[in-house]
Amino acid sequence: MQFIKTHPARIYAVLVAALALVVHYVPDLPSALILALAAAVLGIGEAVQRTEDGKTAAAGEDEHQADEHQGAGEPTA
């Protein structure tokens, strides 16, 4: 589970690529199924993007707090 939380964008990319290959090589799939899967992929992509944005924001906050902590005892000019 930790791997999924750490690498959601990579997992998403692999799954989308595999789905594209299945759609290409299995032409008998019903179009309704393909459209439903496309909608699901877009929804999952949004969730992955929000997860990655949250990780980026958290990393920026951690860096900002570390900068404040390092400069707390130093006099300012």
N, C-alpha and C. Protein backbone atom coordinates (compact mmCIF):
# COMPACT_ATOMS: atom_id res chain seq x y z
N MET A 1 0.82 -1.19 0.00
CA MET A 1 0.00 0.00 0.00
C MET A 1 0.87 1.26 0.00
N GLN A 2 2.01 1.19 0.66
CA GLN A 2 2.91 2.33 0.70
C GLN A 2 3.44 2.65 -0.70
N PHE A 3 3.69 1.62 -1.50
CA PHE A 3 4.16 1.82 -2.87
C PHE A 3 3.13 2.60 -3.69
N ILE A 4 1.85 2.28 -3.50
CA ILE A 4 0.78 2.97 -4.23
C ILE A 4 0.73 4.43 -3.82
N LYS A 5 0.89 4.72 -2.54
CA LYS A 5 0.86 6.11 -2.08
C LYS A 5 2.08 6.88 -2.55
N THR A 6 3.19 6.20 -2.71
CA THR A 6 4.42 6.85 -3.11
C THR A 6 4.49 7.12 -4.61
N HIS A 7 3.93 6.20 -5.41
CA HIS A 7 4.07 6.28 -6.87
C HIS A 7 2.73 6.20 -7.60
N PRO A 8 1.74 7.01 -7.28
CA PRO A 8 0.45 6.88 -7.97
C PRO A 8 0.52 7.24 -9.45
N ALA A 9 1.32 8.22 -9.82
CA ALA A 9 1.39 8.64 -11.23
C ALA A 9 2.02 7.54 -12.09
N ARG A 10 3.01 6.86 -11.59
CA ARG A 10 3.65 5.79 -12.36
C ARG A 10 2.68 4.62 -12.55
N ILE A 11 1.98 4.26 -11.51
CA ILE A 11 1.01 3.16 -11.60
C ILE A 11 -0.09 3.53 -12.58
N TYR A 12 -0.57 4.77 -12.51
CA TYR A 12 -1.60 5.25 -13.42
C TYR A 12 -1.13 5.17 -14.87
N ALA A 13 0.09 5.59 -15.12
CA ALA A 13 0.63 5.56 -16.48
C ALA A 13 0.71 4.14 -17.02
N VAL A 14 1.15 3.20 -16.20
CA VAL A 14 1.25 1.81 -16.64
C VAL A 14 -0.14 1.24 -16.94
N LEU A 15 -1.10 1.52 -16.07
CA LEU A 15 -2.46 1.01 -16.28
C LEU A 15 -3.10 1.60 -17.53
N VAL A 16 -2.90 2.88 -17.76
CA VAL A 16 -3.48 3.51 -18.95
C VAL A 16 -2.83 2.94 -20.21
N ALA A 17 -1.54 2.73 -20.18
CA ALA A 17 -0.85 2.14 -21.33
C ALA A 17 -1.35 0.72 -21.59
N ALA A 18 -1.53 -0.06 -20.55
CA ALA A 18 -2.03 -1.42 -20.70
C ALA A 18 -3.46 -1.41 -21.25
N LEU A 19 -4.26 -0.49 -20.77
CA LEU A 19 -5.63 -0.37 -21.26
C LEU A 19 -5.66 -0.01 -22.75
N ALA A 20 -4.78 0.90 -23.16
CA ALA A 20 -4.71 1.27 -24.57
C ALA A 20 -4.32 0.08 -25.43
N LEU A 21 -3.39 -0.74 -24.95
CA LEU A 21 -2.99 -1.93 -25.71
C LEU A 21 -4.15 -2.93 -25.82
N VAL A 22 -4.90 -3.10 -24.75
CA VAL A 22 -6.04 -4.03 -24.78
C VAL A 22 -7.08 -3.53 -25.77
N VAL A 23 -7.38 -2.26 -25.75
CA VAL A 23 -8.38 -1.70 -26.67
C VAL A 23 -7.90 -1.86 -28.12
N HIS A 24 -6.62 -1.68 -28.34
CA HIS A 24 -6.09 -1.80 -29.70
C HIS A 24 -6.12 -3.24 -30.21
N TYR A 25 -5.72 -4.18 -29.38
CA TYR A 25 -5.58 -5.56 -29.83
C TYR A 25 -6.84 -6.41 -29.65
N VAL A 26 -7.86 -5.89 -29.01
CA VAL A 26 -9.13 -6.61 -28.86
C VAL A 26 -10.22 -5.75 -29.49
N PRO A 27 -10.36 -5.82 -30.80
CA PRO A 27 -11.29 -4.93 -31.48
C PRO A 27 -12.77 -5.27 -31.24
N ASP A 28 -13.06 -6.41 -30.66
CA ASP A 28 -14.45 -6.80 -30.44
C ASP A 28 -15.06 -6.21 -29.18
N LEU A 29 -14.33 -5.39 -28.47
CA LEU A 29 -14.88 -4.78 -27.25
C LEU A 29 -16.00 -3.82 -27.62
N PRO A 30 -17.08 -3.82 -26.84
CA PRO A 30 -18.18 -2.89 -27.13
C PRO A 30 -17.75 -1.44 -26.87
N SER A 31 -18.24 -0.54 -27.70
CA SER A 31 -17.84 0.87 -27.57
C SER A 31 -18.31 1.47 -26.25
N ALA A 32 -19.45 0.98 -25.71
CA ALA A 32 -19.92 1.50 -24.42
C ALA A 32 -18.91 1.18 -23.31
N LEU A 33 -18.32 0.01 -23.36
CA LEU A 33 -17.32 -0.37 -22.37
C LEU A 33 -16.08 0.51 -22.51
N ILE A 34 -15.67 0.76 -23.73
CA ILE A 34 -14.49 1.60 -23.96
C ILE A 34 -14.73 3.01 -23.46
N LEU A 35 -15.93 3.55 -23.73
CA LEU A 35 -16.25 4.90 -23.25
C LEU A 35 -16.32 4.96 -21.73
N ALA A 36 -16.87 3.93 -21.12
CA ALA A 36 -16.93 3.89 -19.65
C ALA A 36 -15.53 3.83 -19.06
N LEU A 37 -14.67 3.03 -19.65
CA LEU A 37 -13.29 2.95 -19.17
C LEU A 37 -12.56 4.27 -19.37
N ALA A 38 -12.82 4.94 -20.47
CA ALA A 38 -12.19 6.24 -20.71
C ALA A 38 -12.62 7.25 -19.66
N ALA A 39 -13.91 7.25 -19.31
CA ALA A 39 -14.39 8.15 -18.27
C ALA A 39 -13.76 7.82 -16.92
N ALA A 40 -13.62 6.54 -16.63
CA ALA A 40 -13.00 6.13 -15.37
C ALA A 40 -11.54 6.55 -15.33
N VAL A 41 -10.85 6.40 -16.45
CA VAL A 41 -9.44 6.79 -16.52
C VAL A 41 -9.29 8.28 -16.27
N LEU A 42 -10.18 9.08 -16.84
CA LEU A 42 -10.11 10.53 -16.60
C LEU A 42 -10.35 10.86 -15.13
N GLY A 43 -11.29 10.19 -14.50
CA GLY A 43 -11.55 10.42 -13.08
C GLY A 43 -10.38 10.01 -12.20
N ILE A 44 -9.81 8.87 -12.51
CA ILE A 44 -8.64 8.41 -11.75
C ILE A 44 -7.47 9.35 -11.97
N GLY A 45 -7.33 9.84 -13.19
CA GLY A 45 -6.25 10.80 -13.48
C GLY A 45 -6.37 12.05 -12.64
N GLU A 46 -7.60 12.52 -12.44
CA GLU A 46 -7.81 13.69 -11.59
C GLU A 46 -7.41 13.39 -10.15
N ALA A 47 -7.76 12.22 -9.66
CA ALA A 47 -7.39 11.84 -8.29
C ALA A 47 -5.87 11.74 -8.15
N VAL A 48 -5.21 11.18 -9.15
CA VAL A 48 -3.75 11.07 -9.11
C VAL A 48 -3.12 12.45 -9.12
N GLN A 49 -3.66 13.35 -9.94
CA GLN A 49 -3.12 14.70 -10.00
C GLN A 49 -3.26 15.41 -8.66
N ARG A 50 -4.40 15.25 -8.01
CA ARG A 50 -4.59 15.88 -6.70
C ARG A 50 -3.64 15.31 -5.66
N THR A 51 -3.40 14.01 -5.73
CA THR A 51 -2.45 13.38 -4.81
C THR A 51 -1.05 13.94 -5.02
N GLU A 52 -0.64 14.04 -6.27
CA GLU A 52 0.69 14.58 -6.58
C GLU A 52 0.79 16.05 -6.17
N ASP A 53 -0.27 16.82 -6.39
CA ASP A 53 -0.27 18.23 -5.97
C ASP A 53 -0.14 18.34 -4.46
N GLY A 54 -0.81 17.46 -3.74
CA GLY A 54 -0.71 17.46 -2.28
C GLY A 54 0.69 17.13 -1.81
N LYS A 55 1.33 16.17 -2.46
CA LYS A 55 2.70 15.82 -2.10
C LYS A 55 3.64 16.98 -2.38
N THR A 56 3.43 17.67 -3.50
CA THR A 56 4.28 18.81 -3.84
C THR A 56 4.09 19.94 -2.84
N ALA A 57 2.84 20.21 -2.48
CA ALA A 57 2.57 21.28 -1.51
C ALA A 57 3.16 20.95 -0.15
N ALA A 58 3.05 19.70 0.25
CA ALA A 58 3.61 19.29 1.54
C ALA A 58 5.13 19.42 1.54
N ALA A 59 5.76 19.07 0.43
CA ALA A 59 7.22 19.21 0.34
C ALA A 59 7.62 20.68 0.40
N GLY A 60 6.85 21.54 -0.23
CA GLY A 60 7.14 22.97 -0.19
C GLY A 60 6.98 23.54 1.21
N GLU A 61 5.96 23.08 1.94
CA GLU A 61 5.75 23.55 3.31
C GLU A 61 6.88 23.07 4.21
N ASP A 62 7.30 21.82 4.03
CA ASP A 62 8.40 21.29 4.84
C ASP A 62 9.67 22.09 4.60
N GLU A 63 9.92 22.43 3.35
CA GLU A 63 11.12 23.21 3.02
C GLU A 63 11.03 24.60 3.62
N HIS A 64 9.85 25.20 3.56
CA HIS A 64 9.65 26.54 4.11
C HIS A 64 9.85 26.53 5.63
N GLN A 65 9.32 25.50 6.29
CA GLN A 65 9.47 25.40 7.75
C GLN A 65 10.94 25.18 8.11
N ALA A 66 11.66 24.41 7.33
CA ALA A 66 13.08 24.17 7.61
C ALA A 66 13.87 25.46 7.46
N ASP A 67 13.54 26.26 6.45
CA ASP A 67 14.21 27.54 6.27
C ASP A 67 13.95 28.47 7.44
N GLU A 68 12.72 28.49 7.93
CA GLU A 68 12.38 29.34 9.07
C GLU A 68 13.10 28.86 10.33
N HIS A 69 13.18 27.54 10.49
CA HIS A 69 13.82 26.98 11.68
C HIS A 69 15.32 27.27 11.68
N GLN A 70 15.95 27.19 10.54
CA GLN A 70 17.38 27.45 10.46
C GLN A 70 17.68 28.92 10.74
N GLY A 71 16.82 29.81 10.31
CA GLY A 71 17.07 31.24 10.48
C GLY A 71 16.49 31.82 11.75
N ALA A 72 15.93 30.99 12.64
CA ALA A 72 15.24 31.51 13.83
C ALA A 72 16.20 32.20 14.80
N GLY A 73 17.41 31.70 14.95
CA GLY A 73 18.32 32.26 15.93
C GLY A 73 19.28 33.30 15.35
N GLU A 74 19.22 33.50 14.08
CA GLU A 74 20.18 34.42 13.44
C GLU A 74 19.62 35.83 13.43
N PRO A 75 20.46 36.81 13.71
CA PRO A 75 19.99 38.20 13.66
C PRO A 75 19.80 38.62 12.21
N THR A 76 18.83 39.49 12.00
CA THR A 76 18.58 40.00 10.65
C THR A 76 19.15 41.39 10.53
N ALA A 77 19.60 41.75 9.34
CA ALA A 77 20.22 43.06 9.12
C ALA A 77 19.18 44.10 8.80
